[in-house]
Amino acid sequence: MSQGMPHDVPSAARLVAAVRDFLESDVLPAVEGRVRFHTRVAVNVLGMVERELELGPAQHAAHRVRLDELGVASDAELATAIREGLDGPDLVDALTAAVRDKLAVANPGYTTGPEVRPRS
């Protein structure tokens, strides 16, 4: 935890991980049917929250840099620029990186396959 933060340990990420671990190791083996399905969904959601807490700040900073490099201030401005004809390898690279960041949080298994290279 960084110096000067207002919260004590455990961090939010550790609390989320503890609940996820409890659901996976204690609850999931003891339930079946609909409750088992919803427990799996809860485990997956907590995993996403955990990854977002861990990766989010760096991803946000990288996204900000990508938007700046494309000359836009927000995703809405980027969408407008694309509708108005913005194109090219820099755009493809920025969008590919943004999707990879989203997948790293939502489901990192989707990004562990063969490297997909943007068109140049």
Protein backbone atom coordinates (compact mmCIF):
# COMPACT_ATOMS: atom_id res chain seq x y z
CA MET A 1 0.00 0.00 0.00
CA SER A 2 1.38 3.40 -0.85
CA GLN A 3 2.33 5.88 1.81
CA GLY A 4 -0.37 8.35 2.85
CA MET A 5 -3.34 6.19 1.86
CA PRO A 6 -6.32 6.63 4.19
CA HIS A 7 -7.12 2.91 4.49
CA ASP A 8 -5.42 0.29 6.60
CA VAL A 9 -4.54 -3.24 5.59
CA PRO A 10 -5.98 -5.37 4.25
CA SER A 11 -6.43 -3.50 1.01
CA ALA A 12 -9.62 -3.64 -1.03
CA ALA A 13 -7.90 -6.05 -3.43
CA ARG A 14 -6.97 -8.41 -0.59
CA LEU A 15 -10.49 -8.30 0.82
CA VAL A 16 -11.97 -9.13 -2.58
CA ALA A 17 -9.44 -11.96 -3.01
CA ALA A 18 -10.35 -13.38 0.41
CA VAL A 19 -14.06 -13.44 -0.43
CA ARG A 20 -13.34 -14.98 -3.85
CA ASP A 21 -11.15 -17.66 -2.24
CA PHE A 22 -13.87 -18.43 0.34
CA LEU A 23 -16.51 -18.82 -2.34
CA GLU A 24 -14.24 -21.03 -4.45
CA SER A 25 -12.92 -23.28 -1.70
CA ASP A 26 -15.78 -23.44 0.82
CA VAL A 27 -19.06 -22.52 -0.85
CA LEU A 28 -18.69 -23.88 -4.39
CA PRO A 29 -18.00 -27.49 -3.34
CA ALA A 30 -21.01 -27.42 -0.98
CA VAL A 31 -23.68 -26.18 -3.38
CA GLU A 32 -25.25 -27.35 -6.61
CA GLY A 33 -27.65 -26.30 -9.32
CA ARG A 34 -28.65 -22.67 -9.53
CA VAL A 35 -26.72 -21.65 -6.38
CA ARG A 36 -23.56 -23.30 -7.77
CA PHE A 37 -23.97 -21.39 -11.05
CA HIS A 38 -24.47 -18.08 -9.24
CA THR A 39 -21.50 -18.81 -6.99
CA ARG A 40 -19.33 -19.34 -10.08
CA VAL A 41 -20.61 -16.04 -11.48
CA ALA A 42 -19.77 -14.31 -8.18
CA VAL A 43 -16.26 -15.84 -8.20
CA ASN A 44 -15.72 -14.56 -11.75
CA VAL A 45 -17.02 -11.08 -10.88
CA LEU A 46 -14.76 -10.86 -7.84
CA GLY A 47 -11.82 -11.91 -10.01
CA MET A 48 -12.62 -9.08 -12.40
CA VAL A 49 -12.85 -6.58 -9.53
CA GLU A 50 -9.55 -7.85 -8.15
CA ARG A 51 -7.82 -7.46 -11.53
CA GLU A 52 -9.32 -4.00 -12.08
CA LEU A 53 -8.07 -2.84 -8.68
CA GLU A 54 -4.61 -4.16 -9.52
CA LEU A 55 -4.32 -3.19 -13.18
CA GLY A 56 -6.71 -0.23 -13.43
CA PRO A 57 -4.44 2.67 -12.48
CA ALA A 58 -1.70 1.68 -14.95
CA GLN A 59 -4.25 0.91 -17.65
CA HIS A 60 -5.94 4.27 -17.10
CA ALA A 61 -2.59 6.08 -17.46
CA ALA A 62 -1.72 4.12 -20.62
CA HIS A 63 -5.15 4.84 -22.10
CA ARG A 64 -4.72 8.54 -21.36
CA VAL A 65 -1.37 8.49 -23.24
CA ARG A 66 -2.95 6.67 -26.21
CA LEU A 67 -5.77 9.23 -26.41
CA ASP A 68 -3.27 12.10 -26.20
CA GLU A 69 -1.19 10.55 -29.00
CA LEU A 70 -4.31 10.35 -31.16
CA GLY A 71 -5.09 13.99 -30.39
CA VAL A 72 -8.35 13.43 -28.52
CA ALA A 73 -9.37 14.09 -24.94
CA SER A 74 -11.85 11.27 -24.35
CA ASP A 75 -13.35 8.08 -25.73
CA ALA A 76 -16.31 10.13 -26.96
CA GLU A 77 -13.96 12.40 -28.91
CA LEU A 78 -12.18 9.34 -30.27
CA ALA A 79 -15.48 7.89 -31.49
CA THR A 80 -16.32 11.19 -33.17
CA ALA A 81 -12.88 11.35 -34.80
CA ILE A 82 -13.29 7.80 -36.12
CA ARG A 83 -16.72 8.66 -37.55
CA GLU A 84 -15.11 11.69 -39.21
CA GLY A 85 -12.41 9.57 -40.85
CA LEU A 86 -9.57 9.05 -38.35
CA ASP A 87 -7.76 5.93 -39.51
CA GLY A 88 -4.34 4.37 -39.72
CA PRO A 89 -1.93 2.08 -37.93
CA ASP A 90 -1.68 4.31 -34.83
CA LEU A 91 -5.44 4.06 -34.37
CA VAL A 92 -5.40 0.28 -34.84
CA ASP A 93 -2.54 -0.06 -32.36
CA ALA A 94 -4.35 2.12 -29.79
CA LEU A 95 -7.62 0.23 -30.15
CA THR A 96 -5.84 -3.14 -29.97
CA ALA A 97 -4.06 -2.07 -26.77
CA ALA A 98 -7.34 -0.82 -25.28
CA VAL A 99 -9.08 -4.12 -26.02
CA ARG A 100 -6.16 -6.11 -24.59
CA ASP A 101 -6.37 -4.03 -21.38
CA LYS A 102 -10.11 -4.68 -21.12
CA LEU A 103 -9.59 -8.41 -21.67
CA ALA A 104 -6.81 -8.49 -19.07
CA VAL A 105 -9.47 -7.48 -16.54
CA ALA A 106 -12.57 -9.21 -17.92
CA ASN A 107 -11.01 -12.54 -18.89
CA PRO A 108 -7.22 -12.76 -19.12
CA GLY A 109 -7.51 -16.24 -20.65
CA TYR A 110 -8.54 -14.60 -23.90
CA THR A 111 -5.17 -12.87 -24.20
CA THR A 112 -2.93 -15.87 -23.48
CA GLY A 113 -3.27 -17.41 -26.94
CA PRO A 114 -1.06 -16.72 -29.96
CA GLU A 115 -0.01 -13.12 -30.39
CA VAL A 116 -2.42 -11.22 -32.62
CA ARG A 117 -0.62 -8.42 -34.40
CA PRO A 118 -2.46 -5.32 -35.61
CA ARG A 119 -2.44 -4.65 -39.33
CA SER A 120 0.27 -2.24 -40.35
